[in-house]
PDB file of N, CA and C in Angstrom:
ATOM      1  N   MET A   1      -9.025 -21.043  -0.740  1.00  0.00           N
ATOM      2  CA  MET A   1      -9.215 -19.742  -0.754  1.00  0.00           C
ATOM      3  C   MET A   1      -8.983 -19.082  -2.226  1.00  0.00           C
ATOM      4  N   LYS A   2      -9.615 -18.163  -2.661  1.00  0.00           N
ATOM      5  CA  LYS A   2      -9.249 -17.770  -3.989  1.00  0.00           C
ATOM      6  C   LYS A   2      -7.791 -16.738  -4.070  1.00  0.00           C
ATOM      7  N   SER A   3      -7.423 -16.666  -5.106  1.00  0.00           N
ATOM      8  CA  SER A   3      -6.662 -15.417  -4.822  1.00  0.00           C
ATOM      9  C   SER A   3      -6.692 -14.135  -4.571  1.00  0.00           C
ATOM     10  N   THR A   4      -7.959 -13.746  -4.975  1.00  0.00           N
ATOM     11  CA  THR A   4      -8.621 -12.640  -5.176  1.00  0.00           C
ATOM     12  C   THR A   4      -8.976 -12.510  -3.468  1.00  0.00           C
ATOM     13  N   GLN A   5      -9.444 -13.209  -2.775  1.00  0.00           N
ATOM     14  CA  GLN A   5      -9.427 -12.880  -1.520  1.00  0.00           C
ATOM     15  C   GLN A   5      -8.562 -13.296  -0.864  1.00  0.00           C
ATOM     16  N   LYS A   6      -7.329 -13.769  -0.979  1.00  0.00           N
ATOM     17  CA  LYS A   6      -5.722 -13.911  -0.395  1.00  0.00           C
ATOM     18  C   LYS A   6      -5.477 -12.248  -0.638  1.00  0.00           C
ATOM     19  N   LEU A   7      -5.297 -11.886  -2.037  1.00  0.00           N
ATOM     20  CA  LEU A   7      -4.973 -10.887  -1.940  1.00  0.00           C
ATOM     21  C   LEU A   7      -5.661  -9.750  -1.341  1.00  0.00           C
ATOM     22  N   LYS A   8      -7.142  -9.579  -1.052  1.00  0.00           N
ATOM     23  CA  LYS A   8      -7.681  -8.334  -0.629  1.00  0.00           C
ATOM     24  C   LYS A   8      -7.424  -8.686   1.001  1.00  0.00           C
ATOM     25  N   ASN A   9      -7.102  -9.864   1.584  1.00  0.00           N
ATOM     26  CA  ASN A   9      -6.687  -9.863   3.156  1.00  0.00           C
ATOM     27  C   ASN A   9      -5.420  -9.375   3.427  1.00  0.00           C
ATOM     28  N   LEU A  10      -4.381  -9.530   2.246  1.00  0.00           N
ATOM     29  CA  LEU A  10      -3.125  -9.472   2.699  1.00  0.00           C
ATOM     30  C   LEU A  10      -3.193  -7.718   2.304  1.00  0.00           C
ATOM     31  N   LEU A  11      -3.955  -7.149   1.388  1.00  0.00           N
ATOM     32  CA  LEU A  11      -3.399  -5.683   1.477  1.00  0.00           C
ATOM     33  C   LEU A  11      -4.255  -5.221   2.877  1.00  0.00           C
ATOM     34  N   ILE A  12      -5.418  -5.770   3.437  1.00  0.00           N
ATOM     35  CA  ILE A  12      -6.164  -4.900   4.101  1.00  0.00           C
ATOM     36  C   ILE A  12      -5.447  -5.575   5.714  1.00  0.00           C
ATOM     37  N   SER A  13      -4.556  -6.675   5.714  1.00  0.00           N
ATOM     38  CA  SER A  13      -4.219  -6.845   6.934  1.00  0.00           C
ATOM     39  C   SER A  13      -2.696  -6.366   7.011  1.00  0.00           C
ATOM     40  N   GLU A  14      -1.717  -6.246   6.046  1.00  0.00           N
ATOM     41  CA  GLU A  14      -0.701  -6.042   5.836  1.00  0.00           C
ATOM     42  C   GLU A  14      -0.060  -4.942   5.227  1.00  0.00           C
ATOM     43  N   ILE A  15      -0.429  -4.944   3.960  1.00  0.00           N
ATOM     44  CA  ILE A  15       0.223  -3.750   3.096  1.00  0.00           C
ATOM     45  C   ILE A  15      -0.632  -2.428   3.417  1.00  0.00           C
ATOM     46  N   ILE A  16      -1.790  -2.275   3.729  1.00  0.00           N
ATOM     47  CA  ILE A  16      -2.122  -0.902   3.720  1.00  0.00           C
ATOM     48  C   ILE A  16      -1.637  -0.394   5.067  1.00  0.00           C
ATOM     49  N   PRO A  17      -2.014  -1.101   6.328  1.00  0.00           N
ATOM     50  CA  PRO A  17      -1.612  -0.698   7.243  1.00  0.00           C
ATOM     51  C   PRO A  17      -0.195  -0.185   7.665  1.00  0.00           C
ATOM     52  N   ASP A  18       0.879  -1.043   6.636  1.00  0.00           N
ATOM     53  CA  ASP A  18       2.244  -0.935   6.430  1.00  0.00           C
ATOM     54  C   ASP A  18       2.388   0.745   5.867  1.00  0.00           C
ATOM     55  N   LEU A  19       1.872   0.613   4.928  1.00  0.00           N
ATOM     56  CA  LEU A  19       1.696   2.123   4.185  1.00  0.00           C
ATOM     57  C   LEU A  19       0.957   3.296   5.150  1.00  0.00           C
ATOM     58  N   GLU A  20       0.261   3.072   5.940  1.00  0.00           N
ATOM     59  CA  GLU A  20      -0.395   4.272   6.527  1.00  0.00           C
ATOM     60  C   GLU A  20       0.800   4.593   7.880  1.00  0.00           C
ATOM     61  N   ASN A  21       1.582   3.147   8.262  1.00  0.00           N
ATOM     62  CA  ASN A  21       2.624   3.783   9.228  1.00  0.00           C
ATOM     63  C   ASN A  21       3.643   4.369   8.704  1.00  0.00           C
ATOM     64  N   ALA A  22       4.267   4.501   7.168  1.00  0.00           N
ATOM     65  CA  ALA A  22       4.886   4.705   6.508  1.00  0.00           C
ATOM     66  C   ALA A  22       4.691   6.445   6.404  1.00  0.00           C
ATOM     67  N   ILE A  23       3.416   6.486   6.024  1.00  0.00           N
ATOM     68  CA  ILE A  23       2.991   7.850   6.175  1.00  0.00           C
ATOM     69  C   ILE A  23       2.735   8.642   7.456  1.00  0.00           C
ATOM     70  N   ASP A  24       2.493   8.200   8.528  1.00  0.00           N
ATOM     71  CA  ASP A  24       2.514   8.534   9.639  1.00  0.00           C
ATOM     72  C   ASP A  24       3.847   8.848   9.949  1.00  0.00           C
ATOM     73  N   GLU A  25       4.798   8.210   9.612  1.00  0.00           N
ATOM     74  CA  GLU A  25       6.073   8.571  10.136  1.00  0.00           C
ATOM     75  C   GLU A  25       6.589   9.776   9.459  1.00  0.00           C
ATOM     76  N   ILE A  26       6.149  10.060   8.099  1.00  0.00           N
ATOM     77  CA  ILE A  26       6.923  10.936   7.177  1.00  0.00           C
ATOM     78  C   ILE A  26       6.075  12.125   8.111  1.00  0.00           C
ATOM     79  N   PHE A  27       4.731  12.105   8.300  1.00  0.00           N
ATOM     80  CA  PHE A  27       4.121  13.345   8.792  1.00  0.00           C
ATOM     81  C   PHE A  27       4.970  13.587  10.201  1.00  0.00           C
ATOM     82  N   SER A  28       5.082  12.786  11.113  1.00  0.00           N
ATOM     83  CA  SER A  28       5.564  13.008  12.198  1.00  0.00           C
ATOM     84  C   SER A  28       7.129  13.925  12.296  1.00  0.00           C
ATOM     85  N   VAL A  29       8.093  12.704  10.895  1.00  0.00           N
ATOM     86  CA  VAL A  29       9.619  14.180  10.831  1.00  0.00           C
ATOM     87  C   VAL A  29       9.243  15.360  10.303  1.00  0.00           C
ATOM     88  N   ILE A  30       8.146  15.714   9.252  1.00  0.00           N
ATOM     89  CA  ILE A  30       7.963  16.723   8.785  1.00  0.00           C
ATOM     90  C   ILE A  30       7.645  17.737   9.944  1.00  0.00           C
ATOM     91  N   GLU A  31       6.464  17.292  11.003  1.00  0.00           N
ATOM     92  CA  GLU A  31       6.146  18.149  11.968  1.00  0.00           C
ATOM     93  C   GLU A  31       7.326  18.318  13.249  1.00  0.00           C
ATOM     94  N   LYS A  32       8.323  17.729  13.233  1.00  0.00           N
ATOM     95  CA  LYS A  32       9.806  17.717  14.156  1.00  0.00           C
ATOM     96  C   LYS A  32      10.536  18.709  13.500  1.00  0.00           C
ATOM     97  N   LYS A  33      10.508  18.885  12.436  1.00  0.00           N
ATOM     98  CA  LYS A  33      11.543  19.613  11.234  1.00  0.00           C
ATOM     99  C   LYS A  33      11.021  21.124  11.510  1.00  0.00           C
ATOM    100  N   LYS A  34       9.208  20.482  11.342  1.00  0.00           N
ATOM    101  CA  LYS A  34       8.495  22.205  10.725  1.00  0.00           C
ATOM    102  C   LYS A  34       8.907  22.536   9.400  1.00  0.00           C
ATOM    103  N   ILE A  35       9.359  21.771   8.705  1.00  0.00           N
ATOM    104  CA  ILE A  35       9.690  21.605   7.317  1.00  0.00           C
ATOM    105  C   ILE A  35       9.600  20.467   6.720  1.00  0.00           C
ATOM    106  N   ALA A  36       9.238  20.304   5.199  1.00  0.00           N
ATOM    107  CA  ALA A  36       9.101  18.977   4.528  1.00  0.00           C
ATOM    108  C   ALA A  36      10.324  19.212   3.123  1.00  0.00           C
ATOM    109  N   SER A  37      11.435  18.591   3.205  1.00  0.00           N
ATOM    110  CA  SER A  37      11.951  18.258   2.216  1.00  0.00           C
ATOM    111  C   SER A  37      11.673  18.021   0.833  1.00  0.00           C
ATOM    112  N   LEU A  38      12.560  17.787   0.002  1.00  0.00           N
ATOM    113  CA  LEU A  38      11.957  17.541  -1.624  1.00  0.00           C
ATOM    114  C   LEU A  38      11.867  16.095  -1.078  1.00  0.00           C
ATOM    115  N   LYS A  39      12.929  15.331  -0.599  1.00  0.00           N
ATOM    116  CA  LYS A  39      12.936  13.707  -0.141  1.00  0.00           C
ATOM    117  C   LYS A  39      11.580  13.454   0.617  1.00  0.00           C
ATOM    118  N   ASP A  40      10.944  14.062   1.690  1.00  0.00           N
ATOM    119  CA  ASP A  40       9.822  13.682   2.226  1.00  0.00           C
ATOM    120  C   ASP A  40       8.541  14.031   1.292  1.00  0.00           C
ATOM    121  N   LYS A  41       8.868  15.010   0.867  1.00  0.00           N
ATOM    122  CA  LYS A  41       7.468  15.015   0.045  1.00  0.00           C
ATOM    123  C   LYS A  41       7.404  14.001  -1.390  1.00  0.00           C
ATOM    124  N   GLU A  42       8.503  13.631  -1.863  1.00  0.00           N
ATOM    125  CA  GLU A  42       8.214  12.687  -3.017  1.00  0.00           C
ATOM    126  C   GLU A  42       7.886  11.583  -2.442  1.00  0.00           C
ATOM    127  N   GLU A  43       8.530  11.248  -0.971  1.00  0.00           N
ATOM    128  CA  GLU A  43       8.001   9.685  -0.476  1.00  0.00           C
ATOM    129  C   GLU A  43       6.890   9.624   0.074  1.00  0.00           C
ATOM    130  N   LEU A  44       6.325  10.831   0.521  1.00  0.00           N
ATOM    131  CA  LEU A  44       5.053  10.916   1.037  1.00  0.00           C
ATOM    132  C   LEU A  44       4.118  10.981  -0.293  1.00  0.00           C
ATOM    133  N   LYS A  45       3.982  11.675  -1.317  1.00  0.00           N
ATOM    134  CA  LYS A  45       3.193  11.348  -2.402  1.00  0.00           C
ATOM    135  C   LYS A  45       3.603  10.067  -2.953  1.00  0.00           C
ATOM    136  N   GLU A  46       4.618   9.168  -3.085  1.00  0.00           N
ATOM    137  CA  GLU A  46       4.692   7.683  -3.564  1.00  0.00           C
ATOM    138  C   GLU A  46       3.681   6.905  -2.643  1.00  0.00           C
ATOM    139  N   PHE A  47       3.815   7.068  -1.147  1.00  0.00           N
ATOM    140  CA  PHE A  47       3.164   6.008  -0.278  1.00  0.00           C
ATOM    141  C   PHE A  47       1.623   5.994  -0.385  1.00  0.00           C
ATOM    142  N   GLN A  48       1.415   7.757  -0.809  1.00  0.00           N
ATOM    143  CA  GLN A  48      -0.145   7.824  -1.030  1.00  0.00           C
ATOM    144  C   GLN A  48      -0.467   7.229  -2.268  1.00  0.00           C
ATOM    145  N   GLU A  49       0.365   7.455  -3.145  1.00  0.00           N
ATOM    146  CA  GLU A  49      -0.075   6.558  -4.379  1.00  0.00           C
ATOM    147  C   GLU A  49      -0.128   5.097  -4.296  1.00  0.00           C
ATOM    148  N   MET A  50       0.469   4.901  -3.146  1.00  0.00           N
ATOM    149  CA  MET A  50       0.619   3.239  -3.379  1.00  0.00           C
ATOM    150  C   MET A  50      -0.949   2.936  -2.509  1.00  0.00           C
ATOM    151  N   HIS A  51      -0.860   3.894  -1.795  1.00  0.00           N
ATOM    152  CA  HIS A  51      -2.224   3.718  -0.553  1.00  0.00           C
ATOM    153  C   HIS A  51      -3.636   3.252  -1.151  1.00  0.00           C
ATOM    154  N   LYS A  52      -3.396   4.514  -2.614  1.00  0.00           N
ATOM    155  CA  LYS A  52      -4.820   4.539  -3.095  1.00  0.00           C
ATOM    156  C   LYS A  52      -4.958   3.412  -4.088  1.00  0.00           C
ATOM    157  N   GLU A  53      -3.914   3.274  -4.950  1.00  0.00           N
ATOM    158  CA  GLU A  53      -3.950   1.832  -5.448  1.00  0.00           C
ATOM    159  C   GLU A  53      -4.412   0.834  -5.177  1.00  0.00           C
ATOM    160  N   CYS A  54      -3.925   0.208  -3.390  1.00  0.00           N
ATOM    161  CA  CYS A  54      -4.403  -0.657  -2.799  1.00  0.00           C
ATOM    162  C   CYS A  54      -5.948  -0.719  -2.649  1.00  0.00           C
ATOM    163  N   LYS A  55      -6.247   0.647  -2.227  1.00  0.00           N
ATOM    164  CA  LYS A  55      -8.014   0.673  -2.032  1.00  0.00           C
ATOM    165  C   LYS A  55      -8.639   0.538  -3.183  1.00  0.00           C
ATOM    166  N   ASP A  56      -8.440   1.037  -4.569  1.00  0.00           N
ATOM    167  CA  ASP A  56      -8.411   0.824  -5.838  1.00  0.00           C
ATOM    168  C   ASP A  56      -8.444  -0.778  -6.300  1.00  0.00           C
ATOM    169  N   ILE A  57      -7.288  -1.461  -5.610  1.00  0.00           N
ATOM    170  CA  ILE A  57      -7.752  -3.009  -5.667  1.00  0.00           C
ATOM    171  C   ILE A  57      -8.647  -3.666  -5.227  1.00  0.00           C
ATOM    172  N   ILE A  58      -8.763  -3.361  -4.156  1.00  0.00           N
ATOM    173  CA  ILE A  58     -10.085  -3.641  -2.884  1.00  0.00           C
ATOM    174  C   ILE A  58     -11.334  -3.353  -3.516  1.00  0.00           C
ATOM    175  N   LYS A  59     -11.291  -2.282  -4.279  1.00  0.00           N
ATOM    176  CA  LYS A  59     -12.599  -1.902  -4.618  1.00  0.00           C
ATOM    177  C   LYS A  59     -12.683  -2.985  -5.991  1.00  0.00           C
ATOM    178  N   GLU A  60     -12.008  -2.961  -6.844  1.00  0.00           N
ATOM    179  CA  GLU A  60     -12.065  -4.232  -8.014  1.00  0.00           C
ATOM    180  C   GLU A  60     -12.332  -5.306  -7.506  1.00  0.00           C
ATOM    181  N   ILE A  61     -11.686  -5.944  -6.737  1.00  0.00           N
ATOM    182  CA  ILE A  61     -12.095  -6.926  -5.818  1.00  0.00           C
ATOM    183  C   ILE A  61     -13.372  -7.282  -5.418  1.00  0.00           C
ATOM    184  N   ASP A  62     -14.062  -5.991  -4.986  1.00  0.00           N
ATOM    185  CA  ASP A  62     -15.455  -6.391  -4.132  1.00  0.00           C
ATOM    186  C   ASP A  62     -16.296  -6.102  -5.678  1.00  0.00           C
ATOM    187  N   GLU A  63     -15.834  -5.737  -6.872  1.00  0.00           N
ATOM    188  CA  GLU A  63     -16.731  -5.690  -8.027  1.00  0.00           C
ATOM    189  C   GLU A  63     -16.505  -6.697  -8.797  1.00  0.00           C
ATOM    190  N   ASN A  64     -15.805  -7.843  -8.166  1.00  0.00           N
ATOM    191  CA  ASN A  64     -15.389  -8.609  -9.443  1.00  0.00           C
ATOM    192  C   ASN A  64     -14.446  -8.189 -10.792  1.00  0.00           C
ATOM    193  N   GLU A  65     -13.829  -7.018 -10.775  1.00  0.00           N
ATOM    194  CA  GLU A  65     -13.504  -6.623 -11.862  1.00  0.00           C
ATOM    195  C   GLU A  65     -12.006  -6.633 -11.771  1.00  0.00           C
ATOM    196  N   ILE A  66     -11.354  -7.621 -11.358  1.00  0.00           N
ATOM    197  CA  ILE A  66     -10.192  -7.975 -11.391  1.00  0.00           C
ATOM    198  C   ILE A  66      -9.590  -9.021 -11.772  1.00  0.00           C
ATOM    199  N   ASP A  67      -8.488  -8.779 -12.888  1.00  0.00           N
ATOM    200  CA  ASP A  67      -8.163 -10.079 -13.542  1.00  0.00           C
ATOM    201  C   ASP A  67      -6.337 -10.751 -12.943  1.00  0.00           C
ATOM    202  N   GLU A  68      -5.966  -9.786 -12.494  1.00  0.00           N
ATOM    203  CA  GLU A  68      -4.698 -10.219 -12.178  1.00  0.00           C
ATOM    204  C   GLU A  68      -4.414 -10.468 -10.752  1.00  0.00           C
ATOM    205  N   ALA A  69      -5.471 -10.729 -10.282  1.00  0.00           N
ATOM    206  CA  ALA A  69      -5.221 -11.339  -8.928  1.00  0.00           C
ATOM    207  C   ALA A  69      -3.710 -12.126  -8.537  1.00  0.00           C
ATOM    208  N   LYS A  70      -3.942 -13.305  -9.118  1.00  0.00           N
ATOM    209  CA  LYS A  70      -2.857 -14.019  -8.518  1.00  0.00           C
ATOM    210  C   LYS A  70      -1.484 -13.628  -8.805  1.00  0.00           C
ATOM    211  N   GLU A  71      -1.465 -12.825  -9.889  1.00  0.00           N
ATOM    212  CA  GLU A  71       0.139 -12.012 -10.343  1.00  0.00           C
ATOM    213  C   GLU A  71       0.517 -10.682  -9.371  1.00  0.00           C
ATOM    214  N   LEU A  72      -0.388 -10.160  -8.665  1.00  0.00           N
ATOM    215  CA  LEU A  72      -0.485  -9.161  -7.864  1.00  0.00           C
ATOM    216  C   LEU A  72      -0.340  -9.836  -6.271  1.00  0.00           C
ATOM    217  N   LEU A  73      -0.836 -10.752  -6.118  1.00  0.00           N
ATOM    218  CA  LEU A  73      -0.615 -11.617  -4.737  1.00  0.00           C
ATOM    219  C   LEU A  73       0.792 -11.763  -4.810  1.00  0.00           C
ATOM    220  N   LYS A  74       1.356 -12.670  -5.842  1.00  0.00           N
ATOM    221  CA  LYS A  74       2.405 -12.969  -5.795  1.00  0.00           C
ATOM    222  C   LYS A  74       3.802 -11.950  -5.834  1.00  0.00           C
ATOM    223  N   GLU A  75       3.271 -11.236  -6.478  1.00  0.00           N
ATOM    224  CA  GLU A  75       4.242  -9.596  -6.428  1.00  0.00           C
ATOM    225  C   GLU A  75       4.243  -9.258  -5.006  1.00  0.00           C
ATOM    226  N   LEU A  76       3.108  -8.951  -4.487  1.00  0.00           N
ATOM    227  CA  LEU A  76       3.353  -8.613  -3.082  1.00  0.00           C
ATOM    228  C   LEU A  76       3.856  -8.936  -2.334  1.00  0.00           C
ATOM    229  N   ILE A  77       3.691 -10.457  -2.020  1.00  0.00           N
ATOM    230  CA  ILE A  77       4.572 -11.497  -1.218  1.00  0.00           C
ATOM    231  C   ILE A  77       5.633 -11.692  -1.650  1.00  0.00           C
ATOM    232  N   ASP A  78       6.234 -11.195  -2.589  1.00  0.00           N
ATOM    233  CA  ASP A  78       7.543 -11.424  -2.774  1.00  0.00           C
ATOM    234  C   ASP A  78       8.395  -9.948  -2.404  1.00  0.00           C
ATOM    235  N   ILE A  79       7.342  -8.798  -2.088  1.00  0.00           N
ATOM    236  CA  ILE A  79       8.201  -7.728  -1.967  1.00  0.00           C
ATOM    237  C   ILE A  79       8.081  -7.833  -0.171  1.00  0.00           C
ATOM    238  N   LYS A  80       6.688  -8.558   0.460  1.00  0.00           N
ATOM    239  CA  LYS A  80       6.769  -8.390   1.643  1.00  0.00           C
ATOM    240  C   LYS A  80       8.168  -9.360   2.199  1.00  0.00           C
ATOM    241  N   THR A  81       8.200 -10.452   1.602  1.00  0.00           N
ATOM    242  CA  THR A  81       9.446 -11.304   1.962  1.00  0.00           C
ATOM    243  C   THR A  81      11.168 -10.604   1.950  1.00  0.00           C
ATOM    244  N   LEU A  82      11.048  -9.758   1.157  1.00  0.00           N
ATOM    245  CA  LEU A  82      12.025  -8.895   0.898  1.00  0.00           C
ATOM    246  C   LEU A  82      12.521  -7.577   2.064  1.00  0.00           C
ATOM    247  N   LYS A  83      11.554  -7.783   2.362  1.00  0.00           N
ATOM    248  CA  LYS A  83      11.934  -6.849   3.685  1.00  0.00           C
ATOM    249  C   LYS A  83      12.697  -7.628   4.845  1.00  0.00           C
TER     250      LYS A  83
END
């Protein structure tokens, strides 16, 4: 399997769902507190930006416009294994 396909699979099956869960958790905390702290807002923004970047990478893969698939794949695998 090509690095681009492995990267796409990792993004779709693990990374994006993890980000969506983290975003949902932040919204849940905000809902319970009825107010968003600066930390909550910053985390939410960061996770939303990462989510968008992942979607953009998938789009680049689908359009064959990605060059750094191997590097990104290695980086993401390293991040996942550190968790």
